[in-house]
PDB file of N, CA and C in Angstrom:
ATOM      1  N   UNK A   1       6.588  38.083  30.689  1.00  0.00           N
ATOM      2  CA  UNK A   1       5.360  38.689  30.199  1.00  0.00           C
ATOM      3  C   UNK A   1       5.103  38.165  28.794  1.00  0.00           C
ATOM      4  N   UNK A   2       3.904  37.792  28.534  1.00  0.00           N
ATOM      5  CA  UNK A   2       3.543  37.228  27.237  1.00  0.00           C
ATOM      6  C   UNK A   2       2.930  38.305  26.354  1.00  0.00           C
ATOM      7  N   UNK A   3       3.471  38.461  25.163  1.00  0.00           N
ATOM      8  CA  UNK A   3       2.956  39.396  24.164  1.00  0.00           C
ATOM      9  C   UNK A   3       2.118  38.593  23.174  1.00  0.00           C
ATOM     10  N   UNK A   4       0.947  39.112  22.786  1.00  0.00           N
ATOM     11  CA  UNK A   4       0.124  38.397  21.807  1.00  0.00           C
ATOM     12  C   UNK A   4       0.188  39.084  20.443  1.00  0.00           C
ATOM     13  N   UNK A   5      -0.437  38.458  19.456  1.00  0.00           N
ATOM     14  CA  UNK A   5      -0.411  38.973  18.073  1.00  0.00           C
ATOM     15  C   UNK A   5      -1.011  40.379  17.980  1.00  0.00           C
ATOM     16  N   UNK A   6      -2.091  40.625  18.732  1.00  0.00           N
ATOM     17  CA  UNK A   6      -2.726  41.948  18.678  1.00  0.00           C
ATOM     18  C   UNK A   6      -1.767  43.038  19.152  1.00  0.00           C
ATOM     19  N   UNK A   7      -1.021  42.746  20.213  1.00  0.00           N
ATOM     20  CA  UNK A   7      -0.066  43.722  20.733  1.00  0.00           C
ATOM     21  C   UNK A   7       1.055  43.959  19.725  1.00  0.00           C
ATOM     22  N   UNK A   8       1.550  42.892  19.104  1.00  0.00           N
ATOM     23  CA  UNK A   8       2.607  43.027  18.086  1.00  0.00           C
ATOM     24  C   UNK A   8       2.102  43.882  16.929  1.00  0.00           C
ATOM     25  N   UNK A   9       0.899  43.619  16.472  1.00  0.00           N
ATOM     26  CA  UNK A   9       0.339  44.394  15.344  1.00  0.00           C
ATOM     27  C   UNK A   9       0.116  45.860  15.750  1.00  0.00           C
ATOM     28  N   UNK A  10      -0.285  46.093  16.996  1.00  0.00           N
ATOM     29  CA  UNK A  10      -0.480  47.468  17.474  1.00  0.00           C
ATOM     30  C   UNK A  10       0.860  48.212  17.516  1.00  0.00           C
ATOM     31  N   UNK A  11       1.891  47.568  18.044  1.00  0.00           N
ATOM     32  CA  UNK A  11       3.225  48.177  18.085  1.00  0.00           C
ATOM     33  C   UNK A  11       3.715  48.460  16.673  1.00  0.00           C
ATOM     34  N   UNK A  12       3.503  47.514  15.770  1.00  0.00           N
ATOM     35  CA  UNK A  12       3.934  47.702  14.380  1.00  0.00           C
ATOM     36  C   UNK A  12       3.203  48.868  13.728  1.00  0.00           C
ATOM     37  N   UNK A  13       1.916  49.021  14.019  1.00  0.00           N
ATOM     38  CA  UNK A  13       1.172  50.138  13.413  1.00  0.00           C
ATOM     39  C   UNK A  13       1.646  51.474  13.983  1.00  0.00           C
ATOM     40  N   UNK A  14       1.975  51.506  15.285  1.00  0.00           N
ATOM     41  CA  UNK A  14       2.506  52.742  15.873  1.00  0.00           C
ATOM     42  C   UNK A  14       3.845  53.119  15.253  1.00  0.00           C
ATOM     43  N   UNK A  15       4.644  52.094  14.922  1.00  0.00           N
ATOM     44  CA  UNK A  15       5.960  52.332  14.330  1.00  0.00           C
ATOM     45  C   UNK A  15       5.882  52.460  12.814  1.00  0.00           C
ATOM     46  N   UNK A  16       4.679  52.340  12.287  1.00  0.00           N
ATOM     47  CA  UNK A  16       4.462  52.409  10.827  1.00  0.00           C
ATOM     48  C   UNK A  16       5.277  51.335  10.103  1.00  0.00           C
ATOM     49  N   UNK A  17       5.244  50.111  10.666  1.00  0.00           N
ATOM     50  CA  UNK A  17       5.968  48.979  10.082  1.00  0.00           C
ATOM     51  C   UNK A  17       4.947  47.968   9.590  1.00  0.00           C
ATOM     52  N   UNK A  18       5.098  47.538   8.355  1.00  0.00           N
ATOM     53  CA  UNK A  18       4.219  46.520   7.797  1.00  0.00           C
ATOM     54  C   UNK A  18       4.840  45.156   8.091  1.00  0.00           C
ATOM     55  N   UNK A  19       4.046  44.264   8.702  1.00  0.00           N
ATOM     56  CA  UNK A  19       4.544  42.944   9.066  1.00  0.00           C
ATOM     57  C   UNK A  19       3.748  41.856   8.362  1.00  0.00           C
ATOM     58  N   UNK A  20       4.449  40.830   7.938  1.00  0.00           N
ATOM     59  CA  UNK A  20       3.760  39.641   7.434  1.00  0.00           C
ATOM     60  C   UNK A  20       3.323  38.811   8.636  1.00  0.00           C
ATOM     61  N   UNK A  21       2.503  37.795   8.384  1.00  0.00           N
ATOM     62  CA  UNK A  21       2.037  36.921   9.466  1.00  0.00           C
ATOM     63  C   UNK A  21       3.223  36.220  10.137  1.00  0.00           C
ATOM     64  N   UNK A  22       4.186  35.754   9.330  1.00  0.00           N
ATOM     65  CA  UNK A  22       5.360  35.066   9.881  1.00  0.00           C
ATOM     66  C   UNK A  22       6.205  36.003  10.741  1.00  0.00           C
ATOM     67  N   UNK A  23       6.392  37.235  10.267  1.00  0.00           N
ATOM     68  CA  UNK A  23       7.180  38.206  11.038  1.00  0.00           C
ATOM     69  C   UNK A  23       6.497  38.536  12.358  1.00  0.00           C
ATOM     70  N   UNK A  24       5.179  38.673  12.334  1.00  0.00           N
ATOM     71  CA  UNK A  24       4.442  38.988  13.554  1.00  0.00           C
ATOM     72  C   UNK A  24       4.562  37.840  14.557  1.00  0.00           C
ATOM     73  N   UNK A  25       4.493  36.594  14.081  1.00  0.00           N
ATOM     74  CA  UNK A  25       4.647  35.444  14.978  1.00  0.00           C
ATOM     75  C   UNK A  25       6.039  35.409  15.590  1.00  0.00           C
ATOM     76  N   UNK A  26       7.055  35.671  14.766  1.00  0.00           N
ATOM     77  CA  UNK A  26       8.433  35.668  15.257  1.00  0.00           C
ATOM     78  C   UNK A  26       8.648  36.788  16.281  1.00  0.00           C
ATOM     79  N   UNK A  27       8.132  37.974  15.992  1.00  0.00           N
ATOM     80  CA  UNK A  27       8.291  39.105  16.906  1.00  0.00           C
ATOM     81  C   UNK A  27       7.526  38.899  18.206  1.00  0.00           C
ATOM     82  N   UNK A  28       6.442  38.157  18.158  1.00  0.00           N
ATOM     83  CA  UNK A  28       5.690  37.860  19.375  1.00  0.00           C
ATOM     84  C   UNK A  28       6.602  37.169  20.392  1.00  0.00           C
ATOM     85  N   UNK A  29       7.365  36.179  19.935  1.00  0.00           N
ATOM     86  CA  UNK A  29       8.293  35.476  20.821  1.00  0.00           C
ATOM     87  C   UNK A  29       9.455  36.348  21.258  1.00  0.00           C
ATOM     88  N   UNK A  30      10.022  37.101  20.321  1.00  0.00           N
ATOM     89  CA  UNK A  30      11.171  37.947  20.639  1.00  0.00           C
ATOM     90  C   UNK A  30      10.806  39.023  21.664  1.00  0.00           C
ATOM     91  N   UNK A  31       9.673  39.689  21.460  1.00  0.00           N
ATOM     92  CA  UNK A  31       9.265  40.744  22.393  1.00  0.00           C
ATOM     93  C   UNK A  31       8.941  40.166  23.766  1.00  0.00           C
ATOM     94  N   UNK A  32       8.351  38.975  23.798  1.00  0.00           N
ATOM     95  CA  UNK A  32       8.062  38.329  25.083  1.00  0.00           C
ATOM     96  C   UNK A  32       9.349  38.030  25.838  1.00  0.00           C
ATOM     97  N   UNK A  33      10.370  37.535  25.120  1.00  0.00           N
ATOM     98  CA  UNK A  33      11.652  37.237  25.777  1.00  0.00           C
ATOM     99  C   UNK A  33      12.329  38.511  26.275  1.00  0.00           C
ATOM    100  N   UNK A  34      12.233  39.589  25.520  1.00  0.00           N
ATOM    101  CA  UNK A  34      12.832  40.862  25.950  1.00  0.00           C
ATOM    102  C   UNK A  34      12.157  41.341  27.230  1.00  0.00           C
ATOM    103  N   UNK A  35      10.839  41.286  27.286  1.00  0.00           N
ATOM    104  CA  UNK A  35      10.130  41.742  28.480  1.00  0.00           C
ATOM    105  C   UNK A  35      10.383  40.826  29.672  1.00  0.00           C
ATOM    106  N   UNK A  36      10.568  39.537  29.430  1.00  0.00           N
ATOM    107  CA  UNK A  36      10.939  38.623  30.517  1.00  0.00           C
ATOM    108  C   UNK A  36      12.297  39.011  31.094  1.00  0.00           C
ATOM    109  N   UNK A  37      13.232  39.380  30.226  1.00  0.00           N
ATOM    110  CA  UNK A  37      14.571  39.796  30.666  1.00  0.00           C
ATOM    111  C   UNK A  37      14.478  41.082  31.498  1.00  0.00           C
ATOM    112  N   UNK A  38      13.643  42.027  31.071  1.00  0.00           N
ATOM    113  CA  UNK A  38      13.462  43.270  31.816  1.00  0.00           C
ATOM    114  C   UNK A  38      12.873  42.971  33.193  1.00  0.00           C
ATOM    115  N   UNK A  39      11.934  42.029  33.271  1.00  0.00           N
ATOM    116  CA  UNK A  39      11.374  41.642  34.566  1.00  0.00           C
ATOM    117  C   UNK A  39      12.456  41.068  35.483  1.00  0.00           C
ATOM    118  N   UNK A  40      13.400  40.319  34.911  1.00  0.00           N
ATOM    119  CA  UNK A  40      14.517  39.798  35.708  1.00  0.00           C
ATOM    120  C   UNK A  40      15.346  40.944  36.281  1.00  0.00           C
ATOM    121  N   UNK A  41      15.586  41.978  35.484  1.00  0.00           N
ATOM    122  CA  UNK A  41      16.375  43.119  35.949  1.00  0.00           C
ATOM    123  C   UNK A  41      15.698  43.837  37.101  1.00  0.00           C
ATOM    124  N   UNK A  42      14.360  43.849  37.109  1.00  0.00           N
ATOM    125  CA  UNK A  42      13.634  44.526  38.177  1.00  0.00           C
ATOM    126  C   UNK A  42      13.830  43.832  39.525  1.00  0.00           C
ATOM    127  N   UNK A  43      14.258  42.569  39.519  1.00  0.00           N
ATOM    128  CA  UNK A  43      14.473  41.822  40.758  1.00  0.00           C
ATOM    129  C   UNK A  43      15.757  42.244  41.471  1.00  0.00           C
ATOM    130  N   UNK A  44      16.657  42.922  40.774  1.00  0.00           N
ATOM    131  CA  UNK A  44      17.940  43.322  41.351  1.00  0.00           C
ATOM    132  C   UNK A  44      17.738  44.536  42.252  1.00  0.00           C
ATOM    133  N   UNK A  45      18.252  44.454  43.486  1.00  0.00           N
ATOM    134  CA  UNK A  45      18.142  45.557  44.432  1.00  0.00           C
ATOM    135  C   UNK A  45      19.225  46.594  44.128  1.00  0.00           C
ATOM    136  N   UNK A  46      18.810  47.758  43.651  1.00  0.00           N
ATOM    137  CA  UNK A  46      19.751  48.828  43.323  1.00  0.00           C
ATOM    138  C   UNK A  46      19.587  50.027  44.260  1.00  0.00           C
ATOM    139  N   UNK A  47      18.941  49.797  45.403  1.00  0.00           N
ATOM    140  CA  UNK A  47      18.663  50.888  46.337  1.00  0.00           C
ATOM    141  C   UNK A  47      19.897  51.597  46.848  1.00  0.00           C
ATOM    142  N   UNK A  48      21.010  50.862  47.031  1.00  0.00           N
ATOM    143  CA  UNK A  48      22.224  51.465  47.580  1.00  0.00           C
ATOM    144  C   UNK A  48      23.233  51.873  46.499  1.00  0.00           C
ATOM    145  N   UNK A  49      22.841  51.817  45.240  1.00  0.00           N
ATOM    146  CA  UNK A  49      23.760  52.144  44.142  1.00  0.00           C
ATOM    147  C   UNK A  49      23.607  53.614  43.782  1.00  0.00           C
ATOM    148  N   UNK A  50      24.727  54.329  43.814  1.00  0.00           N
ATOM    149  CA  UNK A  50      24.716  55.746  43.453  1.00  0.00           C
ATOM    150  C   UNK A  50      24.558  55.887  41.933  1.00  0.00           C
ATOM    151  N   UNK A  51      23.819  56.895  41.469  1.00  0.00           N
ATOM    152  CA  UNK A  51      23.740  57.151  40.033  1.00  0.00           C
ATOM    153  C   UNK A  51      25.125  57.449  39.477  1.00  0.00           C
ATOM    154  N   UNK A  52      25.391  56.987  38.255  1.00  0.00           N
ATOM    155  CA  UNK A  52      26.717  57.219  37.683  1.00  0.00           C
ATOM    156  C   UNK A  52      26.611  57.425  36.180  1.00  0.00           C
ATOM    157  N   UNK A  53      27.641  58.054  35.626  1.00  0.00           N
ATOM    158  CA  UNK A  53      27.698  58.279  34.185  1.00  0.00           C
ATOM    159  C   UNK A  53      28.675  57.347  33.510  1.00  0.00           C
ATOM    160  N   UNK A  54      29.479  56.641  34.304  1.00  0.00           N
ATOM    161  CA  UNK A  54      30.489  55.748  33.763  1.00  0.00           C
ATOM    162  C   UNK A  54      30.785  54.665  34.797  1.00  0.00           C
ATOM    163  N   UNK A  55      31.265  53.504  34.343  1.00  0.00           N
ATOM    164  CA  UNK A  55      31.594  52.438  35.286  1.00  0.00           C
ATOM    165  C   UNK A  55      32.917  52.689  35.985  1.00  0.00           C
ATOM    166  N   UNK A  56      33.723  53.583  35.436  1.00  0.00           N
ATOM    167  CA  UNK A  56      34.965  53.987  36.098  1.00  0.00           C
ATOM    168  C   UNK A  56      34.822  55.449  36.510  1.00  0.00           C
ATOM    169  N   UNK A  57      35.477  55.821  37.593  1.00  0.00           N
ATOM    170  CA  UNK A  57      35.353  57.197  38.066  1.00  0.00           C
ATOM    171  C   UNK A  57      36.094  58.140  37.137  1.00  0.00           C
ATOM    172  N   UNK A  58      35.367  59.103  36.613  1.00  0.00           N
ATOM    173  CA  UNK A  58      35.924  60.065  35.670  1.00  0.00           C
ATOM    174  C   UNK A  58      35.502  61.459  36.119  1.00  0.00           C
ATOM    175  N   UNK A  59      36.429  62.401  36.090  1.00  0.00           N
ATOM    176  CA  UNK A  59      36.095  63.787  36.375  1.00  0.00           C
ATOM    177  C   UNK A  59      35.640  64.430  35.074  1.00  0.00           C
ATOM    178  N   UNK A  60      34.449  64.985  35.110  1.00  0.00           N
ATOM    179  CA  UNK A  60      33.898  65.597  33.907  1.00  0.00           C
ATOM    180  C   UNK A  60      34.695  66.842  33.529  1.00  0.00           C
ATOM    181  N   UNK A  61      34.967  66.990  32.246  1.00  0.00           N
ATOM    182  CA  UNK A  61      35.674  68.183  31.770  1.00  0.00           C
ATOM    183  C   UNK A  61      34.698  69.350  31.774  1.00  0.00           C
ATOM    184  N   UNK A  62      35.158  70.458  32.285  1.00  0.00           N
ATOM    185  CA  UNK A  62      34.314  71.646  32.363  1.00  0.00           C
ATOM    186  C   UNK A  62      34.832  72.684  31.373  1.00  0.00           C
ATOM    187  N   UNK A  63      33.907  73.490  30.881  1.00  0.00           N
ATOM    188  CA  UNK A  63      34.278  74.595  30.002  1.00  0.00           C
ATOM    189  C   UNK A  63      33.509  75.825  30.433  1.00  0.00           C
ATOM    190  N   UNK A  64      33.989  76.982  30.008  1.00  0.00           N
ATOM    191  CA  UNK A  64      33.288  78.217  30.335  1.00  0.00           C
ATOM    192  C   UNK A  64      31.919  78.205  29.669  1.00  0.00           C
ATOM    193  N   UNK A  65      30.919  78.656  30.395  1.00  0.00           N
ATOM    194  CA  UNK A  65      29.556  78.695  29.880  1.00  0.00           C
ATOM    195  C   UNK A  65      29.330  80.049  29.224  1.00  0.00           C
ATOM    196  N   UNK A  66      29.745  80.171  27.961  1.00  0.00           N
ATOM    197  CA  UNK A  66      29.624  81.424  27.234  1.00  0.00           C
ATOM    198  C   UNK A  66      28.659  81.239  26.062  1.00  0.00           C
ATOM    199  N   UNK A  67      27.779  82.203  25.888  1.00  0.00           N
ATOM    200  CA  UNK A  67      26.853  82.182  24.766  1.00  0.00           C
ATOM    201  C   UNK A  67      27.539  82.824  23.567  1.00  0.00           C
ATOM    202  N   UNK A  68      27.577  82.108  22.451  1.00  0.00           N
ATOM    203  CA  UNK A  68      28.146  82.651  21.220  1.00  0.00           C
ATOM    204  C   UNK A  68      27.193  82.355  20.076  1.00  0.00           C
ATOM    205  N   UNK A  69      27.424  82.994  18.958  1.00  0.00           N
ATOM    206  CA  UNK A  69      26.600  82.715  17.779  1.00  0.00           C
ATOM    207  C   UNK A  69      27.239  81.631  16.904  1.00  0.00           C
ATOM    208  N   UNK A  70      28.296  81.015  17.395  1.00  0.00           N
ATOM    209  CA  UNK A  70      28.980  79.981  16.640  1.00  0.00           C
ATOM    210  C   UNK A  70      30.039  80.540  15.701  1.00  0.00           C
ATOM    211  N   UNK A  71      30.006  81.837  15.515  1.00  0.00           N
ATOM    212  CA  UNK A  71      30.985  82.529  14.673  1.00  0.00           C
ATOM    213  C   UNK A  71      31.096  81.934  13.280  1.00  0.00           C
ATOM    214  N   UNK A  72      29.959  81.450  12.744  1.00  0.00           N
ATOM    215  CA  UNK A  72      29.985  80.893  11.389  1.00  0.00           C
ATOM    216  C   UNK A  72      28.731  81.281  10.612  1.00  0.00           C
ATOM    217  N   UNK A  73      28.133  82.429  10.935  1.00  0.00           N
ATOM    218  CA  UNK A  73      26.904  82.865  10.277  1.00  0.00           C
ATOM    219  C   UNK A  73      27.085  82.979   8.767  1.00  0.00           C
ATOM    220  N   UNK A  74      28.219  83.515   8.314  1.00  0.00           N
ATOM    221  CA  UNK A  74      28.434  83.664   6.875  1.00  0.00           C
ATOM    222  C   UNK A  74      28.466  82.318   6.163  1.00  0.00           C
ATOM    223  N   UNK A  75      29.112  81.330   6.766  1.00  0.00           N
ATOM    224  CA  UNK A  75      29.180  80.003   6.153  1.00  0.00           C
ATOM    225  C   UNK A  75      27.792  79.361   6.085  1.00  0.00           C
ATOM    226  N   UNK A  76      26.994  79.564   7.108  1.00  0.00           N
ATOM    227  CA  UNK A  76      25.644  78.995   7.115  1.00  0.00           C
ATOM    228  C   UNK A  76      24.765  79.695   6.096  1.00  0.00           C
ATOM    229  N   UNK A  77      24.847  81.015   6.045  1.00  0.00           N
ATOM    230  CA  UNK A  77      23.994  81.780   5.141  1.00  0.00           C
ATOM    231  C   UNK A  77      24.379  81.615   3.673  1.00  0.00           C
ATOM    232  N   UNK A  78      25.542  81.037   3.387  1.00  0.00           N
ATOM    233  CA  UNK A  78      25.908  80.752   1.992  1.00  0.00           C
ATOM    234  C   UNK A  78      24.923  79.774   1.364  1.00  0.00           C
ATOM    235  N   UNK A  79      24.266  78.953   2.185  1.00  0.00           N
ATOM    236  CA  UNK A  79      23.303  77.967   1.693  1.00  0.00           C
ATOM    237  C   UNK A  79      21.905  78.538   1.500  1.00  0.00           C
ATOM    238  N   UNK A  80      21.678  79.756   1.952  1.00  0.00           N
ATOM    239  CA  UNK A  80      20.338  80.339   1.882  1.00  0.00           C
ATOM    240  C   UNK A  80      20.000  80.733   0.450  1.00  0.00           C
ATOM    241  N   UNK A  81      18.795  80.364  -0.015  1.00  0.00           N
ATOM    242  CA  UNK A  81      18.380  80.805  -1.353  1.00  0.00           C
ATOM    243  C   UNK A  81      18.220  82.315  -1.422  1.00  0.00           C
ATOM    244  N   UNK A  82      17.810  82.915  -0.278  1.00  0.00           N
ATOM    245  CA  UNK A  82      17.662  84.366  -0.214  1.00  0.00           C
ATOM    246  C   UNK A  82      17.986  84.815   1.202  1.00  0.00           C
ATOM    247  N   UNK A  83      18.694  85.922   1.319  1.00  0.00           N
ATOM    248  CA  UNK A  83      19.065  86.417   2.635  1.00  0.00           C
ATOM    249  C   UNK A  83      18.995  87.927   2.671  1.00  0.00           C
ATOM    250  N   UNK A  84      18.854  88.456   3.885  1.00  0.00           N
ATOM    251  CA  UNK A  84      18.876  89.890   4.114  1.00  0.00           C
ATOM    252  C   UNK A  84      19.801  90.122   5.293  1.00  0.00           C
ATOM    253  N   UNK A  85      20.929  90.761   5.045  1.00  0.00           N
ATOM    254  CA  UNK A  85      21.976  90.939   6.050  1.00  0.00           C
ATOM    255  C   UNK A  85      22.392  89.573   6.598  1.00  0.00           C
ATOM    256  N   UNK A  86      22.213  89.351   7.907  1.00  0.00           N
ATOM    257  CA  UNK A  86      22.597  88.074   8.514  1.00  0.00           C
ATOM    258  C   UNK A  86      21.389  87.190   8.809  1.00  0.00           C
ATOM    259  N   UNK A  87      20.337  87.288   7.982  1.00  0.00           N
ATOM    260  CA  UNK A  87      19.110  86.539   8.239  1.00  0.00           C
ATOM    261  C   UNK A  87      18.656  85.792   6.989  1.00  0.00           C
ATOM    262  N   UNK A  88      17.980  84.645   7.204  1.00  0.00           N
ATOM    263  CA  UNK A  88      17.322  83.940   6.111  1.00  0.00           C
ATOM    264  C   UNK A  88      16.045  84.682   5.759  1.00  0.00           C
ATOM    265  N   UNK A  89      15.725  84.788   4.483  1.00  0.00           N
ATOM    266  CA  UNK A  89      14.450  85.357   4.053  1.00  0.00           C
ATOM    267  C   UNK A  89      13.546  84.176   3.711  1.00  0.00           C
ATOM    268  N   UNK A  90      12.381  84.134   4.370  1.00  0.00           N
ATOM    269  CA  UNK A  90      11.436  83.036   4.168  1.00  0.00           C
ATOM    270  C   UNK A  90      10.065  83.612   3.837  1.00  0.00           C
ATOM    271  N   UNK A  91       9.209  82.816   3.184  1.00  0.00           N
ATOM    272  CA  UNK A  91       7.868  83.320   2.886  1.00  0.00           C
ATOM    273  C   UNK A  91       7.042  83.530   4.159  1.00  0.00           C
ATOM    274  N   UNK A  92       6.147  84.485   4.117  1.00  0.00           N
ATOM    275  CA  UNK A  92       5.286  84.773   5.247  1.00  0.00           C
ATOM    276  C   UNK A  92       4.302  83.606   5.401  1.00  0.00           C
ATOM    277  N   UNK A  93       4.163  83.099   6.627  1.00  0.00           N
ATOM    278  CA  UNK A  93       3.255  81.973   6.850  1.00  0.00           C
ATOM    279  C   UNK A  93       2.105  82.330   7.785  1.00  0.00           C
ATOM    280  N   UNK A  94       2.167  83.449   8.482  1.00  0.00           N
ATOM    281  CA  UNK A  94       1.098  83.862   9.370  1.00  0.00           C
ATOM    282  C   UNK A  94       0.578  85.203   8.877  1.00  0.00           C
ATOM    283  N   UNK A  95      -0.736  85.307   8.794  1.00  0.00           N
ATOM    284  CA  UNK A  95      -1.303  86.568   8.327  1.00  0.00           C
ATOM    285  C   UNK A  95      -1.973  87.321   9.441  1.00  0.00           C
TER     286      UNK A  95
END
């Protein structure tokens, strides 16, 4: 797939990146090569491949699903400029 200068400049503006003319020309080629590589990957038949999380078979470690408060509220609230009991005090933002 061929990327042109307009597409490179559009991507750069979305990413809030300022590019010189030379950088935009260089990225035009690099992005085109990346998309060509992705097109090559699409040619591989993966229909019979099971989804996996690792290339080697691993049994996932399980833990009890318990809801906790982290048991560190006091340590966290030490950073608060102002607090009331176990809560941060913040300015009112909705009237």
